[in-house]
Amino acid sequence: MGPDPQYVGKLHSNSDKGDGSVKYILTGEGAGTIFIIDDTTGDIHSTKSLDREQKTHYVLHAQAIDRRTNKPLEPESEFIIKVQDINDNAPKFTDGPYIVTVPEMSEMDIAVEKT
């Protein structure tokens, strides 16, 4: 992840006519710190890299309110951000070393077994 916040997703209310009268609010795990929301557009960004080994998902709540009256336009909704895993840790072989051979020109995803 670079220095800029990473786009996660977007909240949208059917009441939003694009005139700025709807304000989007995000609460829950990491809201305002890990996850920030543009309260006018509903765009959600992550401010830091997420690691599935540390936390597999975040439970957040979203609300669309009328800016003039501060009243909800819809019921609060709950959603879950699931963190995808990337191979960021080197493999560890506790019973090694292993000796394996893979035939030349093997198909992708071929099973490799120790000899």
PDB file of N, CA and C in Angstrom:
ATOM      1  N   MET A   1       0.837  -1.175   0.000  1.00  0.00           N
ATOM      2  CA  MET A   1       0.000   0.000   0.000  1.00  0.00           C
ATOM      3  C   MET A   1       0.887   1.245   0.000  1.00  0.00           C
ATOM      4  N   GLY A   2       0.535   2.207  -0.812  1.00  0.00           N
ATOM      5  CA  GLY A   2       1.290   3.448  -0.886  1.00  0.00           C
ATOM      6  C   GLY A   2       0.882   4.409   0.219  1.00  0.00           C
ATOM      7  N   PRO A   3       1.314   5.663   0.102  1.00  0.00           N
ATOM      8  CA  PRO A   3       1.026   6.644   1.146  1.00  0.00           C
ATOM      9  C   PRO A   3      -0.436   7.125   1.151  1.00  0.00           C
ATOM     10  N   ASP A   4      -1.141   6.944   0.043  1.00  0.00           N
ATOM     11  CA  ASP A   4      -2.515   7.430  -0.053  1.00  0.00           C
ATOM     12  C   ASP A   4      -3.501   6.390   0.470  1.00  0.00           C
ATOM     13  N   PRO A   5      -4.612   6.856   1.059  1.00  0.00           N
ATOM     14  CA  PRO A   5      -5.649   5.908   1.497  1.00  0.00           C
ATOM     15  C   PRO A   5      -6.155   5.073   0.328  1.00  0.00           C
ATOM     16  N   GLN A   6      -6.470   3.807   0.584  1.00  0.00           N
ATOM     17  CA  GLN A   6      -6.920   2.882  -0.448  1.00  0.00           C
ATOM     18  C   GLN A   6      -8.437   2.784  -0.462  1.00  0.00           C
ATOM     19  N   TYR A   7      -9.019   2.844  -1.659  1.00  0.00           N
ATOM     20  CA  TYR A   7     -10.467   2.772  -1.814  1.00  0.00           C
ATOM     21  C   TYR A   7     -10.973   1.404  -1.381  1.00  0.00           C
ATOM     22  N   VAL A   8     -12.022   1.390  -0.555  1.00  0.00           N
ATOM     23  CA  VAL A   8     -12.618   0.152  -0.056  1.00  0.00           C
ATOM     24  C   VAL A   8     -13.984  -0.072  -0.681  1.00  0.00           C
ATOM     25  N   GLY A   9     -14.775   0.968  -0.752  1.00  0.00           N
ATOM     26  CA  GLY A   9     -16.127   0.838  -1.290  1.00  0.00           C
ATOM     27  C   GLY A   9     -16.896   2.132  -1.137  1.00  0.00           C
ATOM     28  N   LYS A  10     -18.194   2.061  -1.428  1.00  0.00           N
ATOM     29  CA  LYS A  10     -19.015   3.260  -1.423  1.00  0.00           C
ATOM     30  C   LYS A  10     -20.365   2.976  -0.783  1.00  0.00           C
ATOM     31  N   LEU A  11     -20.820   3.903   0.043  1.00  0.00           N
ATOM     32  CA  LEU A  11     -22.176   3.868   0.572  1.00  0.00           C
ATOM     33  C   LEU A  11     -23.030   4.761  -0.309  1.00  0.00           C
ATOM     34  N   HIS A  12     -24.270   4.346  -0.511  1.00  0.00           N
ATOM     35  CA  HIS A  12     -25.172   5.185  -1.292  1.00  0.00           C
ATOM     36  C   HIS A  12     -26.587   4.994  -0.807  1.00  0.00           C
ATOM     37  N   SER A  13     -27.294   6.076  -0.649  1.00  0.00           N
ATOM     38  CA  SER A  13     -28.698   6.061  -0.264  1.00  0.00           C
ATOM     39  C   SER A  13     -29.548   6.428  -1.473  1.00  0.00           C
ATOM     40  N   ASN A  14     -30.687   5.781  -1.615  1.00  0.00           N
ATOM     41  CA  ASN A  14     -31.604   6.135  -2.695  1.00  0.00           C
ATOM     42  C   ASN A  14     -32.142   7.555  -2.523  1.00  0.00           C
ATOM     43  N   SER A  15     -32.047   8.085  -1.317  1.00  0.00           N
ATOM     44  CA  SER A  15     -32.491   9.460  -1.052  1.00  0.00           C
ATOM     45  C   SER A  15     -31.474  10.493  -1.525  1.00  0.00           C
ATOM     46  N   ASP A  16     -30.271  10.047  -1.873  1.00  0.00           N
ATOM     47  CA  ASP A  16     -29.195  10.958  -2.280  1.00  0.00           C
ATOM     48  C   ASP A  16     -29.409  11.385  -3.727  1.00  0.00           C
ATOM     49  N   LYS A  17     -29.723  12.657  -3.919  1.00  0.00           N
ATOM     50  CA  LYS A  17     -29.949  13.215  -5.259  1.00  0.00           C
ATOM     51  C   LYS A  17     -28.698  13.907  -5.801  1.00  0.00           C
ATOM     52  N   GLY A  18     -27.593  13.801  -5.064  1.00  0.00           N
ATOM     53  CA  GLY A  18     -26.337  14.396  -5.520  1.00  0.00           C
ATOM     54  C   GLY A  18     -26.220  15.885  -5.243  1.00  0.00           C
ATOM     55  N   ASP A  19     -27.098  16.428  -4.415  1.00  0.00           N
ATOM     56  CA  ASP A  19     -27.070  17.857  -4.120  1.00  0.00           C
ATOM     57  C   ASP A  19     -26.358  18.183  -2.805  1.00  0.00           C
ATOM     58  N   GLY A  20     -25.750  17.189  -2.166  1.00  0.00           N
ATOM     59  CA  GLY A  20     -25.013  17.411  -0.920  1.00  0.00           C
ATOM     60  C   GLY A  20     -25.881  17.446   0.321  1.00  0.00           C
ATOM     61  N   SER A  21     -27.174  17.139   0.185  1.00  0.00           N
ATOM     62  CA  SER A  21     -28.066  17.205   1.343  1.00  0.00           C
ATOM     63  C   SER A  21     -27.982  15.954   2.220  1.00  0.00           C
ATOM     64  N   VAL A  22     -27.341  14.899   1.721  1.00  0.00           N
ATOM     65  CA  VAL A  22     -27.197  13.660   2.491  1.00  0.00           C
ATOM     66  C   VAL A  22     -25.801  13.607   3.097  1.00  0.00           C
ATOM     67  N   LYS A  23     -25.754  13.246   4.371  1.00  0.00           N
ATOM     68  CA  LYS A  23     -24.477  13.070   5.067  1.00  0.00           C
ATOM     69  C   LYS A  23     -24.349  11.604   5.443  1.00  0.00           C
ATOM     70  N   TYR A  24     -23.204  11.009   5.092  1.00  0.00           N
ATOM     71  CA  TYR A  24     -22.937   9.602   5.401  1.00  0.00           C
ATOM     72  C   TYR A  24     -22.072   9.522   6.645  1.00  0.00           C
ATOM     73  N   ILE A  25     -22.466   8.641   7.550  1.00  0.00           N
ATOM     74  CA  ILE A  25     -21.746   8.449   8.811  1.00  0.00           C
ATOM     75  C   ILE A  25     -21.341   6.983   8.920  1.00  0.00           C
ATOM     76  N   LEU A  26     -20.123   6.750   9.369  1.00  0.00           N
ATOM     77  CA  LEU A  26     -19.590   5.408   9.535  1.00  0.00           C
ATOM     78  C   LEU A  26     -19.176   5.224  10.990  1.00  0.00           C
ATOM     79  N   THR A  27     -19.638   4.132  11.613  1.00  0.00           N
ATOM     80  CA  THR A  27     -19.253   3.817  12.988  1.00  0.00           C
ATOM     81  C   THR A  27     -18.879   2.345  13.054  1.00  0.00           C
ATOM     82  N   GLY A  28     -18.240   1.952  14.142  1.00  0.00           N
ATOM     83  CA  GLY A  28     -17.872   0.558  14.331  1.00  0.00           C
ATOM     84  C   GLY A  28     -16.371   0.384  14.417  1.00  0.00           C
ATOM     85  N   GLU A  29     -15.928  -0.863  14.215  1.00  0.00           N
ATOM     86  CA  GLU A  29     -14.517  -1.216  14.370  1.00  0.00           C
ATOM     87  C   GLU A  29     -13.632  -0.478  13.362  1.00  0.00           C
ATOM     88  N   GLY A  30     -12.811   0.412  13.845  1.00  0.00           N
ATOM     89  CA  GLY A  30     -11.864   1.110  12.987  1.00  0.00           C
ATOM     90  C   GLY A  30     -12.433   2.322  12.269  1.00  0.00           C
ATOM     91  N   ALA A  31     -13.699   2.654  12.482  1.00  0.00           N
ATOM     92  CA  ALA A  31     -14.286   3.829  11.835  1.00  0.00           C
ATOM     93  C   ALA A  31     -13.615   5.096  12.352  1.00  0.00           C
ATOM     94  N   GLY A  32     -13.199   5.943  11.434  1.00  0.00           N
ATOM     95  CA  GLY A  32     -12.544   7.194  11.802  1.00  0.00           C
ATOM     96  C   GLY A  32     -11.052   7.075  11.980  1.00  0.00           C
ATOM     97  N   THR A  33     -10.550   5.844  12.082  1.00  0.00           N
ATOM     98  CA  THR A  33      -9.100   5.640  12.227  1.00  0.00           C
ATOM     99  C   THR A  33      -8.581   4.797  11.064  1.00  0.00           C
ATOM    100  N   ILE A  34      -8.988   3.532  11.019  1.00  0.00           N
ATOM    101  CA  ILE A  34      -8.578   2.649   9.918  1.00  0.00           C
ATOM    102  C   ILE A  34      -9.410   2.945   8.679  1.00  0.00           C
ATOM    103  N   PHE A  35     -10.707   3.149   8.875  1.00  0.00           N
ATOM    104  CA  PHE A  35     -11.615   3.420   7.764  1.00  0.00           C
ATOM    105  C   PHE A  35     -12.156   4.840   7.891  1.00  0.00           C
ATOM    106  N   ILE A  36     -12.022   5.594   6.812  1.00  0.00           N
ATOM    107  CA  ILE A  36     -12.556   6.951   6.777  1.00  0.00           C
ATOM    108  C   ILE A  36     -13.587   7.022   5.664  1.00  0.00           C
ATOM    109  N   ILE A  37     -14.549   7.909   5.842  1.00  0.00           N
ATOM    110  CA  ILE A  37     -15.602   8.065   4.851  1.00  0.00           C
ATOM    111  C   ILE A  37     -15.708   9.530   4.446  1.00  0.00           C
ATOM    112  N   ASP A  38     -15.895   9.747   3.159  1.00  0.00           N
ATOM    113  CA  ASP A  38     -16.214  11.079   2.669  1.00  0.00           C
ATOM    114  C   ASP A  38     -17.704  11.262   2.950  1.00  0.00           C
ATOM    115  N   ASP A  39     -18.054  12.146   3.875  1.00  0.00           N
ATOM    116  CA  ASP A  39     -19.444  12.225   4.315  1.00  0.00           C
ATOM    117  C   ASP A  39     -20.405  12.752   3.248  1.00  0.00           C
ATOM    118  N   THR A  40     -19.884  13.277   2.146  1.00  0.00           N
ATOM    119  CA  THR A  40     -20.738  13.758   1.058  1.00  0.00           C
ATOM    120  C   THR A  40     -20.927  12.702  -0.028  1.00  0.00           C
ATOM    121  N   THR A  41     -19.851  12.022  -0.391  1.00  0.00           N
ATOM    122  CA  THR A  41     -19.934  11.045  -1.491  1.00  0.00           C
ATOM    123  C   THR A  41     -20.215   9.628  -1.011  1.00  0.00           C
ATOM    124  N   GLY A  42     -19.882   9.315   0.249  1.00  0.00           N
ATOM    125  CA  GLY A  42     -20.039   7.962   0.767  1.00  0.00           C
ATOM    126  C   GLY A  42     -18.864   7.055   0.461  1.00  0.00           C
ATOM    127  N   ASP A  43     -17.801   7.600  -0.155  1.00  0.00           N
ATOM    128  CA  ASP A  43     -16.615   6.796  -0.471  1.00  0.00           C
ATOM    129  C   ASP A  43     -15.879   6.425   0.818  1.00  0.00           C
ATOM    130  N   ILE A  44     -15.555   5.125   0.943  1.00  0.00           N
ATOM    131  CA  ILE A  44     -14.836   4.627   2.121  1.00  0.00           C
ATOM    132  C   ILE A  44     -13.421   4.264   1.698  1.00  0.00           C
ATOM    133  N   HIS A  45     -12.448   4.696   2.489  1.00  0.00           N
ATOM    134  CA  HIS A  45     -11.043   4.394   2.247  1.00  0.00           C
ATOM    135  C   HIS A  45     -10.412   3.789   3.498  1.00  0.00           C
ATOM    136  N   SER A  46      -9.379   2.987   3.278  1.00  0.00           N
ATOM    137  CA  SER A  46      -8.574   2.447   4.365  1.00  0.00           C
ATOM    138  C   SER A  46      -7.314   3.302   4.472  1.00  0.00           C
ATOM    139  N   THR A  47      -6.975   3.683   5.696  1.00  0.00           N
ATOM    140  CA  THR A  47      -5.821   4.559   5.905  1.00  0.00           C
ATOM    141  C   THR A  47      -4.525   3.791   6.141  1.00  0.00           C
ATOM    142  N   LYS A  48      -4.639   2.456   6.297  1.00  0.00           N
ATOM    143  CA  LYS A  48      -3.429   1.664   6.526  1.00  0.00           C
ATOM    144  C   LYS A  48      -3.619   0.278   5.933  1.00  0.00           C
ATOM    145  N   SER A  49      -2.536  -0.439   5.800  1.00  0.00           N
ATOM    146  CA  SER A  49      -2.604  -1.812   5.300  1.00  0.00           C
ATOM    147  C   SER A  49      -3.301  -2.690   6.325  1.00  0.00           C
ATOM    148  N   LEU A  50      -4.110  -3.605   5.827  1.00  0.00           N
ATOM    149  CA  LEU A  50      -4.819  -4.540   6.693  1.00  0.00           C
ATOM    150  C   LEU A  50      -4.139  -5.894   6.579  1.00  0.00           C
ATOM    151  N   ASP A  51      -4.019  -6.594   7.690  1.00  0.00           N
ATOM    152  CA  ASP A  51      -3.349  -7.892   7.705  1.00  0.00           C
ATOM    153  C   ASP A  51      -4.321  -8.941   8.234  1.00  0.00           C
ATOM    154  N   ARG A  52      -4.626  -9.911   7.400  1.00  0.00           N
ATOM    155  CA  ARG A  52      -5.596 -10.946   7.778  1.00  0.00           C
ATOM    156  C   ARG A  52      -5.126 -11.756   8.987  1.00  0.00           C
ATOM    157  N   GLU A  53      -3.817 -11.886   9.172  1.00  0.00           N
ATOM    158  CA  GLU A  53      -3.309 -12.612  10.329  1.00  0.00           C
ATOM    159  C   GLU A  53      -3.602 -11.856  11.632  1.00  0.00           C
ATOM    160  N   GLN A  54      -3.764 -10.548  11.549  1.00  0.00           N
ATOM    161  CA  GLN A  54      -4.075  -9.757  12.744  1.00  0.00           C
ATOM    162  C   GLN A  54      -5.579  -9.659  12.979  1.00  0.00           C
ATOM    163  N   LYS A  55      -6.348  -9.466  11.910  1.00  0.00           N
ATOM    164  CA  LYS A  55      -7.807  -9.339  12.032  1.00  0.00           C
ATOM    165  C   LYS A  55      -8.442  -9.755  10.706  1.00  0.00           C
ATOM    166  N   THR A  56      -9.385 -10.694  10.784  1.00  0.00           N
ATOM    167  CA  THR A  56      -9.970 -11.250   9.553  1.00  0.00           C
ATOM    168  C   THR A  56     -11.092 -10.403   8.983  1.00  0.00           C
ATOM    169  N   HIS A  57     -11.773  -9.630   9.841  1.00  0.00           N
ATOM    170  CA  HIS A  57     -12.886  -8.810   9.351  1.00  0.00           C
ATOM    171  C   HIS A  57     -13.185  -7.664  10.323  1.00  0.00           C
ATOM    172  N   TYR A  58     -13.892  -6.686   9.800  1.00  0.00           N
ATOM    173  CA  TYR A  58     -14.308  -5.530  10.581  1.00  0.00           C
ATOM    174  C   TYR A  58     -15.817  -5.368  10.429  1.00  0.00           C
ATOM    175  N   VAL A  59     -16.503  -5.117  11.527  1.00  0.00           N
ATOM    176  CA  VAL A  59     -17.948  -4.895  11.494  1.00  0.00           C
ATOM    177  C   VAL A  59     -18.186  -3.390  11.616  1.00  0.00           C
ATOM    178  N   LEU A  60     -18.837  -2.831  10.598  1.00  0.00           N
ATOM    179  CA  LEU A  60     -19.101  -1.391  10.566  1.00  0.00           C
ATOM    180  C   LEU A  60     -20.593  -1.133  10.417  1.00  0.00           C
ATOM    181  N   HIS A  61     -20.984   0.074  10.777  1.00  0.00           N
ATOM    182  CA  HIS A  61     -22.376   0.503  10.647  1.00  0.00           C
ATOM    183  C   HIS A  61     -22.401   1.796   9.847  1.00  0.00           C
ATOM    184  N   ALA A  62     -23.370   1.881   8.949  1.00  0.00           N
ATOM    185  CA  ALA A  62     -23.492   3.057   8.093  1.00  0.00           C
ATOM    186  C   ALA A  62     -24.854   3.693   8.303  1.00  0.00           C
ATOM    187  N   GLN A  63     -24.869   5.015   8.185  1.00  0.00           N
ATOM    188  CA  GLN A  63     -26.122   5.758   8.330  1.00  0.00           C
ATOM    189  C   GLN A  63     -26.109   6.916   7.337  1.00  0.00           C
ATOM    190  N   ALA A  64     -27.223   7.119   6.689  1.00  0.00           N
ATOM    191  CA  ALA A  64     -27.415   8.280   5.821  1.00  0.00           C
ATOM    192  C   ALA A  64     -28.401   9.199   6.534  1.00  0.00           C
ATOM    193  N   ILE A  65     -27.972  10.450   6.757  1.00  0.00           N
ATOM    194  CA  ILE A  65     -28.849  11.400   7.441  1.00  0.00           C
ATOM    195  C   ILE A  65     -29.033  12.651   6.586  1.00  0.00           C
ATOM    196  N   ASP A  66     -30.100  13.350   6.844  1.00  0.00           N
ATOM    197  CA  ASP A  66     -30.370  14.620   6.170  1.00  0.00           C
ATOM    198  C   ASP A  66     -29.524  15.696   6.846  1.00  0.00           C
ATOM    199  N   ARG A  67     -28.702  16.403   6.077  1.00  0.00           N
ATOM    200  CA  ARG A  67     -27.819  17.430   6.652  1.00  0.00           C
ATOM    201  C   ARG A  67     -28.597  18.562   7.325  1.00  0.00           C
ATOM    202  N   ARG A  68     -29.759  18.889   6.786  1.00  0.00           N
ATOM    203  CA  ARG A  68     -30.515  20.029   7.326  1.00  0.00           C
ATOM    204  C   ARG A  68     -31.225  19.678   8.639  1.00  0.00           C
ATOM    205  N   THR A  69     -31.791  18.481   8.705  1.00  0.00           N
ATOM    206  CA  THR A  69     -32.587  18.119   9.886  1.00  0.00           C
ATOM    207  C   THR A  69     -31.848  17.209  10.861  1.00  0.00           C
ATOM    208  N   ASN A  70     -30.732  16.615  10.402  1.00  0.00           N
ATOM    209  CA  ASN A  70     -29.969  15.638  11.192  1.00  0.00           C
ATOM    210  C   ASN A  70     -30.775  14.382  11.492  1.00  0.00           C
ATOM    211  N   LYS A  71     -31.816  14.117  10.716  1.00  0.00           N
ATOM    212  CA  LYS A  71     -32.648  12.922  10.911  1.00  0.00           C
ATOM    213  C   LYS A  71     -32.238  11.840   9.930  1.00  0.00           C
ATOM    214  N   PRO A  72     -32.290  10.574  10.369  1.00  0.00           N
ATOM    215  CA  PRO A  72     -31.932   9.465   9.473  1.00  0.00           C
ATOM    216  C   PRO A  72     -32.866   9.398   8.271  1.00  0.00           C
ATOM    217  N   LEU A  73     -32.300   9.116   7.115  1.00  0.00           N
ATOM    218  CA  LEU A  73     -33.086   8.933   5.902  1.00  0.00           C
ATOM    219  C   LEU A  73     -33.462   7.469   5.710  1.00  0.00           C
ATOM    220  N   GLU A  74     -32.715   6.592   6.344  1.00  0.00           N
ATOM    221  CA  GLU A  74     -32.934   5.147   6.256  1.00  0.00           C
ATOM    222  C   GLU A  74     -32.476   4.531   7.569  1.00  0.00           C
ATOM    223  N   PRO A  75     -32.898   3.294   7.830  1.00  0.00           N
ATOM    224  CA  PRO A  75     -32.374   2.613   9.025  1.00  0.00           C
ATOM    225  C   PRO A  75     -30.858   2.399   8.892  1.00  0.00           C
ATOM    226  N   GLU A  76     -30.196   2.372  10.025  1.00  0.00           N
ATOM    227  CA  GLU A  76     -28.759   2.079  10.036  1.00  0.00           C
ATOM    228  C   GLU A  76     -28.531   0.689   9.451  1.00  0.00           C
ATOM    229  N   SER A  77     -27.459   0.547   8.685  1.00  0.00           N
ATOM    230  CA  SER A  77     -27.141  -0.773   8.121  1.00  0.00           C
ATOM    231  C   SER A  77     -25.777  -1.235   8.624  1.00  0.00           C
ATOM    232  N   GLU A  78     -25.665  -2.534   8.795  1.00  0.00           N
ATOM    233  CA  GLU A  78     -24.416  -3.145   9.235  1.00  0.00           C
ATOM    234  C   GLU A  78     -23.788  -3.848   8.046  1.00  0.00           C
ATOM    235  N   PHE A  79     -22.477  -3.734   7.925  1.00  0.00           N
ATOM    236  CA  PHE A  79     -21.780  -4.486   6.897  1.00  0.00           C
ATOM    237  C   PHE A  79     -20.426  -4.923   7.422  1.00  0.00           C
ATOM    238  N   ILE A  80     -19.902  -5.940   6.777  1.00  0.00           N
ATOM    239  CA  ILE A  80     -18.640  -6.539   7.212  1.00  0.00           C
ATOM    240  C   ILE A  80     -17.614  -6.378   6.100  1.00  0.00           C
ATOM    241  N   ILE A  81     -16.448  -5.883   6.473  1.00  0.00           N
ATOM    242  CA  ILE A  81     -15.318  -5.819   5.543  1.00  0.00           C
ATOM    243  C   ILE A  81     -14.444  -7.022   5.848  1.00  0.00           C
ATOM    244  N   LYS A  82     -14.346  -7.939   4.882  1.00  0.00           N
ATOM    245  CA  LYS A  82     -13.509  -9.128   5.051  1.00  0.00           C
ATOM    246  C   LYS A  82     -12.137  -8.844   4.455  1.00  0.00           C
ATOM    247  N   VAL A  83     -11.117  -9.133   5.228  1.00  0.00           N
ATOM    248  CA  VAL A  83      -9.743  -8.875   4.808  1.00  0.00           C
ATOM    249  C   VAL A  83      -9.240 -10.084   4.028  1.00  0.00           C
ATOM    250  N   GLN A  84      -8.820  -9.845   2.801  1.00  0.00           N
ATOM    251  CA  GLN A  84      -8.273 -10.928   1.990  1.00  0.00           C
ATOM    252  C   GLN A  84      -6.822 -11.170   2.384  1.00  0.00           C
ATOM    253  N   ASP A  85      -6.427 -12.421   2.272  1.00  0.00           N
ATOM    254  CA  ASP A  85      -5.063 -12.793   2.642  1.00  0.00           C
ATOM    255  C   ASP A  85      -4.152 -12.685   1.430  1.00  0.00           C
ATOM    256  N   ILE A  86      -2.964 -12.165   1.664  1.00  0.00           N
ATOM    257  CA  ILE A  86      -1.926 -12.198   0.638  1.00  0.00           C
ATOM    258  C   ILE A  86      -0.747 -12.946   1.234  1.00  0.00           C
ATOM    259  N   ASN A  87       0.065 -13.499   0.386  1.00  0.00           N
ATOM    260  CA  ASN A  87       1.203 -14.277   0.851  1.00  0.00           C
ATOM    261  C   ASN A  87       2.316 -13.330   1.288  1.00  0.00           C
ATOM    262  N   ASP A  88       2.186 -12.818   2.520  1.00  0.00           N
ATOM    263  CA  ASP A  88       3.165 -11.853   3.025  1.00  0.00           C
ATOM    264  C   ASP A  88       4.126 -12.450   4.047  1.00  0.00           C
ATOM    265  N   ASN A  89       4.018 -13.749   4.279  1.00  0.00           N
ATOM    266  CA  ASN A  89       4.928 -14.424   5.208  1.00  0.00           C
ATOM    267  C   ASN A  89       5.636 -15.566   4.477  1.00  0.00           C
ATOM    268  N   ALA A  90       6.920 -15.663   4.694  1.00  0.00           N
ATOM    269  CA  ALA A  90       7.676 -16.752   4.076  1.00  0.00           C
ATOM    270  C   ALA A  90       7.214 -18.094   4.635  1.00  0.00           C
ATOM    271  N   PRO A  91       7.181 -19.128   3.802  1.00  0.00           N
ATOM    272  CA  PRO A  91       6.767 -20.444   4.312  1.00  0.00           C
ATOM    273  C   PRO A  91       7.782 -20.969   5.329  1.00  0.00           C
ATOM    274  N   LYS A  92       7.271 -21.735   6.290  1.00  0.00           N
ATOM    275  CA  LYS A  92       8.141 -22.341   7.297  1.00  0.00           C
ATOM    276  C   LYS A  92       7.949 -23.849   7.237  1.00  0.00           C
ATOM    277  N   PHE A  93       9.041 -24.573   7.119  1.00  0.00           N
ATOM    278  CA  PHE A  93       9.006 -26.027   7.080  1.00  0.00           C
ATOM    279  C   PHE A  93       9.641 -26.534   8.367  1.00  0.00           C
ATOM    280  N   THR A  94       8.817 -27.042   9.242  1.00  0.00           N
ATOM    281  CA  THR A  94       9.317 -27.439  10.559  1.00  0.00           C
ATOM    282  C   THR A  94       9.968 -28.811  10.566  1.00  0.00           C
ATOM    283  N   ASP A  95       9.612 -29.680   9.606  1.00  0.00           N
ATOM    284  CA  ASP A  95      10.167 -31.036   9.583  1.00  0.00           C
ATOM    285  C   ASP A  95      11.194 -31.232   8.472  1.00  0.00           C
ATOM    286  N   GLY A  96      11.679 -30.154   7.868  1.00  0.00           N
ATOM    287  CA  GLY A  96      12.552 -30.226   6.691  1.00  0.00           C
ATOM    288  C   GLY A  96      13.966 -30.592   7.045  1.00  0.00           C
ATOM    289  N   PRO A  97      14.884 -30.587   6.131  1.00  0.00           N
ATOM    290  CA  PRO A  97      14.629 -30.130   4.762  1.00  0.00           C
ATOM    291  C   PRO A  97      13.900 -31.204   3.932  1.00  0.00           C
ATOM    292  N   TYR A  98      13.220 -30.728   2.892  1.00  0.00           N
ATOM    293  CA  TYR A  98      12.514 -31.611   1.977  1.00  0.00           C
ATOM    294  C   TYR A  98      13.223 -31.610   0.637  1.00  0.00           C
ATOM    295  N   ILE A  99      13.141 -32.731  -0.031  1.00  0.00           N
ATOM    296  CA  ILE A  99      13.677 -32.824  -1.389  1.00  0.00           C
ATOM    297  C   ILE A  99      12.511 -33.178  -2.296  1.00  0.00           C
ATOM    298  N   VAL A 100      12.250 -32.317  -3.259  1.00  0.00           N
ATOM    299  CA  VAL A 100      11.157 -32.559  -4.196  1.00  0.00           C
ATOM    300  C   VAL A 100      11.658 -32.375  -5.611  1.00  0.00           C
ATOM    301  N   THR A 101      10.976 -32.994  -6.527  1.00  0.00           N
ATOM    302  CA  THR A 101      11.276 -32.787  -7.938  1.00  0.00           C
ATOM    303  C   THR A 101       9.971 -32.501  -8.664  1.00  0.00           C
ATOM    304  N   VAL A 102      10.042 -31.616  -9.601  1.00  0.00           N
ATOM    305  CA  VAL A 102       8.897 -31.277 -10.435  1.00  0.00           C
ATOM    306  C   VAL A 102       9.318 -31.529 -11.870  1.00  0.00           C
ATOM    307  N   PRO A 103       8.591 -32.394 -12.571  1.00  0.00           N
ATOM    308  CA  PRO A 103       8.954 -32.672 -13.960  1.00  0.00           C
ATOM    309  C   PRO A 103       8.933 -31.399 -14.805  1.00  0.00           C
ATOM    310  N   GLU A 104       9.870 -31.305 -15.701  1.00  0.00           N
ATOM    311  CA  GLU A 104       9.944 -30.166 -16.594  1.00  0.00           C
ATOM    312  C   GLU A 104       8.666 -30.057 -17.406  1.00  0.00           C
ATOM    313  N   MET A 105       8.229 -28.835 -17.682  1.00  0.00           N
ATOM    314  CA  MET A 105       7.020 -28.540 -18.460  1.00  0.00           C
ATOM    315  C   MET A 105       5.748 -29.047 -17.771  1.00  0.00           C
ATOM    316  N   SER A 106       5.756 -29.098 -16.461  1.00  0.00           N
ATOM    317  CA  SER A 106       4.567 -29.528 -15.706  1.00  0.00           C
ATOM    318  C   SER A 106       3.466 -28.490 -15.837  1.00  0.00           C
ATOM    319  N   GLU A 107       2.229 -28.965 -15.701  1.00  0.00           N
ATOM    320  CA  GLU A 107       1.080 -28.081 -15.723  1.00  0.00           C
ATOM    321  C   GLU A 107       1.098 -27.195 -14.469  1.00  0.00           C
ATOM    322  N   MET A 108       0.438 -26.051 -14.566  1.00  0.00           N
ATOM    323  CA  MET A 108       0.301 -25.200 -13.376  1.00  0.00           C
ATOM    324  C   MET A 108      -0.533 -25.919 -12.339  1.00  0.00           C
ATOM    325  N   ASP A 109      -0.310 -25.605 -11.086  1.00  0.00           N
ATOM    326  CA  ASP A 109      -1.072 -26.134  -9.953  1.00  0.00           C
ATOM    327  C   ASP A 109      -0.904 -27.642  -9.773  1.00  0.00           C
ATOM    328  N   ILE A 110       0.167 -28.207 -10.260  1.00  0.00           N
ATOM    329  CA  ILE A 110       0.432 -29.648 -10.064  1.00  0.00           C
ATOM    330  C   ILE A 110       0.790 -29.871  -8.608  1.00  0.00           C
ATOM    331  N   ALA A 111       0.328 -30.970  -8.067  1.00  0.00           N
ATOM    332  CA  ALA A 111       0.662 -31.311  -6.680  1.00  0.00           C
ATOM    333  C   ALA A 111       2.137 -31.707  -6.589  1.00  0.00           C
ATOM    334  N   VAL A 112       2.798 -31.220  -5.574  1.00  0.00           N
ATOM    335  CA  VAL A 112       4.197 -31.543  -5.341  1.00  0.00           C
ATOM    336  C   VAL A 112       4.276 -32.301  -4.028  1.00  0.00           C
ATOM    337  N   GLU A 113       4.849 -33.495  -4.091  1.00  0.00           N
ATOM    338  CA  GLU A 113       4.938 -34.316  -2.899  1.00  0.00           C
ATOM    339  C   GLU A 113       6.393 -34.572  -2.568  1.00  0.00           C
ATOM    340  N   LYS A 114       6.665 -34.716  -1.290  1.00  0.00           N
ATOM    341  CA  LYS A 114       8.039 -34.970  -0.892  1.00  0.00           C
ATOM    342  C   LYS A 114       8.399 -36.417  -1.220  1.00  0.00           C
ATOM    343  N   THR A 115       9.668 -36.632  -1.468  1.00  0.00           N
ATOM    344  CA  THR A 115      10.135 -37.981  -1.811  1.00  0.00           C
ATOM    345  C   THR A 115      10.819 -38.624  -0.645  1.00  0.00           C
TER     346      THR A 115
END
